């Protein structure tokens, strides 16, 4: 089945933004360059990057549903297996961060994506309901975060309530971020609900967009390998001392 180049290109943009963010994060955290700590814009940059990823997740779920002939439990099983696989990758990262003493990643972006794929199943065929519900979830999450809620339990992490004093370098709770997935699902159903998409865009990607397409097509693979590559390059260049890791 043909892919939509514009979706792959947009995901490629998100991956590029993520690599830039993590490169500066590594320079700041491992290299001691105080890049992120001296600017208040990097948190916003990270949020925009995550938001683009999650919006495109919703769009991709809409496209996947439009192109499948599965129904009922078979369709749910497809998304359940996919969600659990990505959640398992997230758990691997949890163990790696704990082993390296780099903080707690108990509900990061991969955990969120895995859980969201499963939770999105009842909403796959909805349109404006997803827009309204997604907006409400996002607004509720923003309100919750503004209250700086704390708990002694990790069980409330998916809902935006964090244990006090725990360093969490990657944290994306369902509130508000599942709302972005539902908004993307609304958009995907409106634009790609027939599995063919809009005729406004050309069949072939423009030249400037083509370098982004492989990044978008293999975004999960790039996500899993990019950090080790960045750290290896920083060590090889002498910017980061391997003995200090």
Protein backbone atom coordinates (compact mmCIF):
# COMPACT_ATOMS: atom_id res chain seq x y z
CA UNK A 1 0.00 0.00 0.00
CA UNK A 2 1.31 3.45 -0.96
CA UNK A 3 2.41 5.74 1.85
CA UNK A 4 1.47 9.38 2.23
CA UNK A 5 4.68 11.31 1.73
CA UNK A 6 3.41 14.30 3.68
CA UNK A 7 2.87 12.18 6.80
CA UNK A 8 6.33 10.62 6.52
CA UNK A 9 7.87 14.05 5.92
CA UNK A 10 6.11 15.54 8.94
CA UNK A 11 7.31 12.63 11.07
CA UNK A 12 10.80 13.18 9.66
CA UNK A 13 10.63 16.79 10.85
CA UNK A 14 9.63 15.57 14.32
CA UNK A 15 12.52 13.08 14.38
CA UNK A 16 14.97 15.81 13.33
CA UNK A 17 13.68 18.08 16.10
CA UNK A 18 14.05 15.23 18.59
CA UNK A 19 17.67 14.60 17.53
CA UNK A 20 18.47 18.30 17.91
CA UNK A 21 16.89 18.37 21.37
CA UNK A 22 18.67 15.25 22.59
CA UNK A 23 22.00 16.49 21.18
CA UNK A 24 21.71 19.67 23.24
CA UNK A 25 20.50 17.63 26.23
CA UNK A 26 23.59 15.42 26.04
CA UNK A 27 25.87 18.42 25.69
CA UNK A 28 24.21 19.95 28.74
CA UNK A 29 23.97 16.82 30.90
CA UNK A 30 27.08 14.90 29.87
CA UNK A 31 29.33 17.61 28.48
CA UNK A 32 28.60 20.33 31.04
CA UNK A 33 27.95 23.04 28.44
CA UNK A 34 24.88 24.51 30.21
CA UNK A 35 23.00 24.87 26.94
CA UNK A 36 19.50 23.91 28.06
CA UNK A 37 19.87 25.18 31.60
CA UNK A 38 20.60 28.73 30.38
CA UNK A 39 17.58 28.92 28.05
CA UNK A 40 13.93 28.60 28.93
CA UNK A 41 12.94 27.68 25.38
CA UNK A 42 14.16 24.09 25.26
CA UNK A 43 11.28 22.74 27.35
CA UNK A 44 8.86 24.33 24.90
CA UNK A 45 10.85 22.89 22.00
CA UNK A 46 10.60 19.41 23.56
CA UNK A 47 6.84 19.83 24.08
CA UNK A 48 6.29 20.90 20.48
CA UNK A 49 8.35 17.94 19.27
CA UNK A 50 6.40 15.47 21.41
CA UNK A 51 3.11 17.08 20.37
CA UNK A 52 3.95 16.67 16.69
CA UNK A 53 4.85 13.00 17.22
CA UNK A 54 1.60 12.31 19.07
CA UNK A 55 -0.56 14.22 16.60
CA UNK A 56 0.96 12.15 13.78
CA UNK A 57 0.35 8.99 15.83
CA UNK A 58 -3.35 9.82 15.76
CA UNK A 59 -3.20 10.50 12.02
CA UNK A 60 -1.41 7.18 11.43
CA UNK A 61 -4.00 5.29 13.48
CA UNK A 62 -6.75 6.77 11.31
CA UNK A 63 -4.92 5.74 8.13
CA UNK A 64 -4.27 2.25 9.47
CA UNK A 65 -7.92 1.76 10.38
CA UNK A 66 -9.12 3.04 6.99
CA UNK A 67 -6.91 0.57 5.16
CA UNK A 68 -7.65 -2.59 7.11
CA UNK A 69 -10.45 -5.07 6.59
CA UNK A 70 -10.19 -6.35 10.17
CA UNK A 71 -13.02 -5.77 12.58
CA UNK A 72 -13.92 -6.54 16.19
CA UNK A 73 -11.48 -8.50 18.32
CA UNK A 74 -9.09 -9.11 15.43
CA UNK A 75 -8.69 -5.38 14.93
CA UNK A 76 -8.31 -4.78 18.65
CA UNK A 77 -5.70 -7.55 18.81
CA UNK A 78 -3.70 -5.79 16.11
CA UNK A 79 -3.51 -2.55 18.07
CA UNK A 80 -3.04 -4.35 21.37
CA UNK A 81 0.01 -6.21 20.05
CA UNK A 82 1.45 -3.04 18.54
CA UNK A 83 0.89 -1.04 21.71
CA UNK A 84 2.41 -3.68 23.95
CA UNK A 85 5.48 -3.96 21.71
CA UNK A 86 6.19 -0.23 21.93
CA UNK A 87 5.43 -0.26 25.65
CA UNK A 88 8.04 -3.02 26.03
CA UNK A 89 10.61 -0.78 24.31
CA UNK A 90 9.71 1.89 26.83
CA UNK A 91 10.28 -0.51 29.71
CA UNK A 92 13.73 -1.32 28.32
CA UNK A 93 14.55 2.38 28.43
CA UNK A 94 13.26 2.49 32.01
CA UNK A 95 15.78 -0.20 32.98
CA UNK A 96 18.63 1.48 31.05
CA UNK A 97 18.08 4.87 32.71
CA UNK A 98 17.88 3.28 36.14
CA UNK A 99 21.04 1.22 35.52
CA UNK A 100 22.97 4.31 34.41
CA UNK A 101 21.65 6.41 37.28
CA UNK A 102 20.22 9.00 34.86
CA UNK A 103 16.83 9.32 36.52
CA UNK A 104 13.45 7.60 36.32
CA UNK A 105 11.68 7.14 33.00
CA UNK A 106 8.54 5.45 34.26
CA UNK A 107 6.08 6.98 31.79
CA UNK A 108 8.06 8.52 28.96
CA UNK A 109 7.12 9.07 25.32
CA UNK A 110 7.37 5.38 24.36
CA UNK A 111 5.22 4.31 27.32
CA UNK A 112 2.68 6.94 26.32
CA UNK A 113 2.64 5.89 22.67
CA UNK A 114 2.20 2.22 23.56
CA UNK A 115 -0.65 2.88 25.98
CA UNK A 116 -2.27 5.42 23.63
CA UNK A 117 -2.39 2.94 20.74
CA UNK A 118 -4.38 0.57 22.95
CA UNK A 119 -6.61 3.23 24.50
CA UNK A 120 -7.38 4.79 21.11
CA UNK A 121 -9.17 1.67 19.85
CA UNK A 122 -12.73 2.75 20.87
CA UNK A 123 -12.17 6.14 19.23
CA UNK A 124 -10.80 4.97 15.87
CA UNK A 125 -13.97 5.67 13.89
CA UNK A 126 -14.92 8.97 15.55
CA UNK A 127 -14.41 12.44 14.18
CA UNK A 128 -15.70 15.54 15.98
CA UNK A 129 -16.11 13.57 19.20
CA UNK A 130 -12.35 13.04 19.14
CA UNK A 131 -11.76 16.75 18.56
CA UNK A 132 -13.94 17.75 21.52
CA UNK A 133 -12.72 14.99 23.83
CA UNK A 134 -9.08 15.53 22.86
CA UNK A 135 -9.34 19.25 23.50
CA UNK A 136 -10.93 18.63 26.91
CA UNK A 137 -8.26 16.08 27.89
CA UNK A 138 -5.49 18.44 26.80
CA UNK A 139 -7.03 21.35 28.73
CA UNK A 140 -7.54 19.19 31.83
CA UNK A 141 -3.94 18.05 31.67
CA UNK A 142 -2.66 21.59 31.34
CA UNK A 143 -4.70 22.60 34.37
CA UNK A 144 -3.42 19.61 36.36
CA UNK A 145 0.22 20.41 35.53
CA UNK A 146 -0.29 24.04 36.52
CA UNK A 147 -1.21 22.85 40.02
CA UNK A 148 2.13 21.00 40.41
CA UNK A 149 0.46 17.92 41.94
CA UNK A 150 2.67 15.53 43.91
CA UNK A 151 2.11 12.07 45.33
CA UNK A 152 4.12 9.45 47.16
CA UNK A 153 2.92 6.82 44.68
CA UNK A 154 4.12 6.03 41.17
CA UNK A 155 0.68 4.68 40.22
CA UNK A 156 -0.64 8.16 39.41
CA UNK A 157 2.20 8.94 36.99
CA UNK A 158 0.07 8.29 33.86
CA UNK A 159 -2.29 11.06 34.97
CA UNK A 160 0.22 13.82 35.59
CA UNK A 161 0.79 13.34 39.30
CA UNK A 162 4.49 12.80 40.07
CA UNK A 163 6.43 11.71 43.17
CA UNK A 164 8.17 14.69 44.72
CA UNK A 165 11.94 14.89 44.33
CA UNK A 166 12.23 12.25 41.58
CA UNK A 167 14.27 13.24 38.52
CA UNK A 168 12.30 12.34 35.39
CA UNK A 169 14.21 13.24 32.19
CA UNK A 170 11.39 11.90 29.99
CA UNK A 171 7.82 12.23 31.25
CA UNK A 172 4.71 12.35 29.07
CA UNK A 173 1.50 11.55 30.99
CA UNK A 174 -1.85 10.70 29.42
CA UNK A 175 -3.10 14.02 30.73
CA UNK A 176 -2.65 16.10 28.58
CA UNK A 177 -0.88 14.16 25.82
CA UNK A 178 -3.52 11.54 24.99
CA UNK A 179 -5.67 14.50 24.04
CA UNK A 180 -3.18 15.35 21.27
CA UNK A 181 -3.46 11.77 19.94
CA UNK A 182 -7.25 12.10 19.76
CA UNK A 183 -6.99 15.45 17.97
CA UNK A 184 -4.64 13.81 15.47
CA UNK A 185 -7.11 10.94 15.10
CA UNK A 186 -9.84 13.47 14.31
CA UNK A 187 -7.66 15.12 11.67
CA UNK A 188 -6.66 11.76 10.21
CA UNK A 189 -10.25 10.60 9.90
CA UNK A 190 -11.28 13.85 8.21
CA UNK A 191 -8.40 13.93 5.72
CA UNK A 192 -7.53 10.23 5.27
CA UNK A 193 -10.75 8.52 6.36
CA UNK A 194 -11.19 6.89 2.95
CA UNK A 195 -7.63 5.55 3.01
CA UNK A 196 -6.67 7.70 0.04
CA UNK A 197 -6.23 11.19 1.45
CA UNK A 198 -6.67 14.57 -0.16
CA UNK A 199 -6.12 15.31 -3.83
CA UNK A 200 -4.60 18.70 -2.99
CA UNK A 201 -1.13 17.22 -2.50
CA UNK A 202 0.87 15.80 -5.40
CA UNK A 203 1.48 12.07 -5.65
CA UNK A 204 5.26 12.46 -5.43
CA UNK A 205 7.13 14.21 -2.65
CA UNK A 206 8.90 17.45 -3.62
CA UNK A 207 12.69 17.31 -3.73
CA UNK A 208 13.16 19.22 -0.47
CA UNK A 209 10.94 16.77 1.43
CA UNK A 210 12.58 13.58 0.20
CA UNK A 211 15.50 13.48 2.71
CA UNK A 212 12.90 13.46 5.50
CA UNK A 213 11.00 10.44 4.20
CA UNK A 214 13.33 7.66 5.46
CA UNK A 215 13.40 9.28 8.89
CA UNK A 216 9.62 9.28 8.97
CA UNK A 217 9.24 5.74 7.71
CA UNK A 218 11.65 4.29 10.25
CA UNK A 219 11.02 6.73 13.09
CA UNK A 220 10.87 4.09 15.83
CA UNK A 221 14.18 2.57 14.76
CA UNK A 222 15.81 6.01 14.59
CA UNK A 223 14.43 6.82 18.03
CA UNK A 224 15.93 3.68 19.54
CA UNK A 225 19.42 4.10 18.07
CA UNK A 226 19.99 7.86 17.90
CA UNK A 227 21.01 8.44 21.52
CA UNK A 228 23.80 5.80 21.59
CA UNK A 229 25.09 7.24 18.31
CA UNK A 230 25.08 10.81 19.64
CA UNK A 231 26.88 9.80 22.83
CA UNK A 232 29.44 7.77 20.85
CA UNK A 233 30.14 10.77 18.60
CA UNK A 234 30.52 13.08 21.60
CA UNK A 235 32.92 10.63 23.24
CA UNK A 236 34.91 10.16 20.02
CA UNK A 237 35.22 13.92 19.61
CA UNK A 238 36.45 14.34 23.18
CA UNK A 239 33.49 16.50 24.18
CA UNK A 240 32.35 13.87 26.69
CA UNK A 241 34.73 11.92 28.91
CA UNK A 242 33.79 8.24 28.84
CA UNK A 243 35.13 7.80 32.36
CA UNK A 244 32.58 10.28 33.67
CA UNK A 245 29.57 8.45 32.24
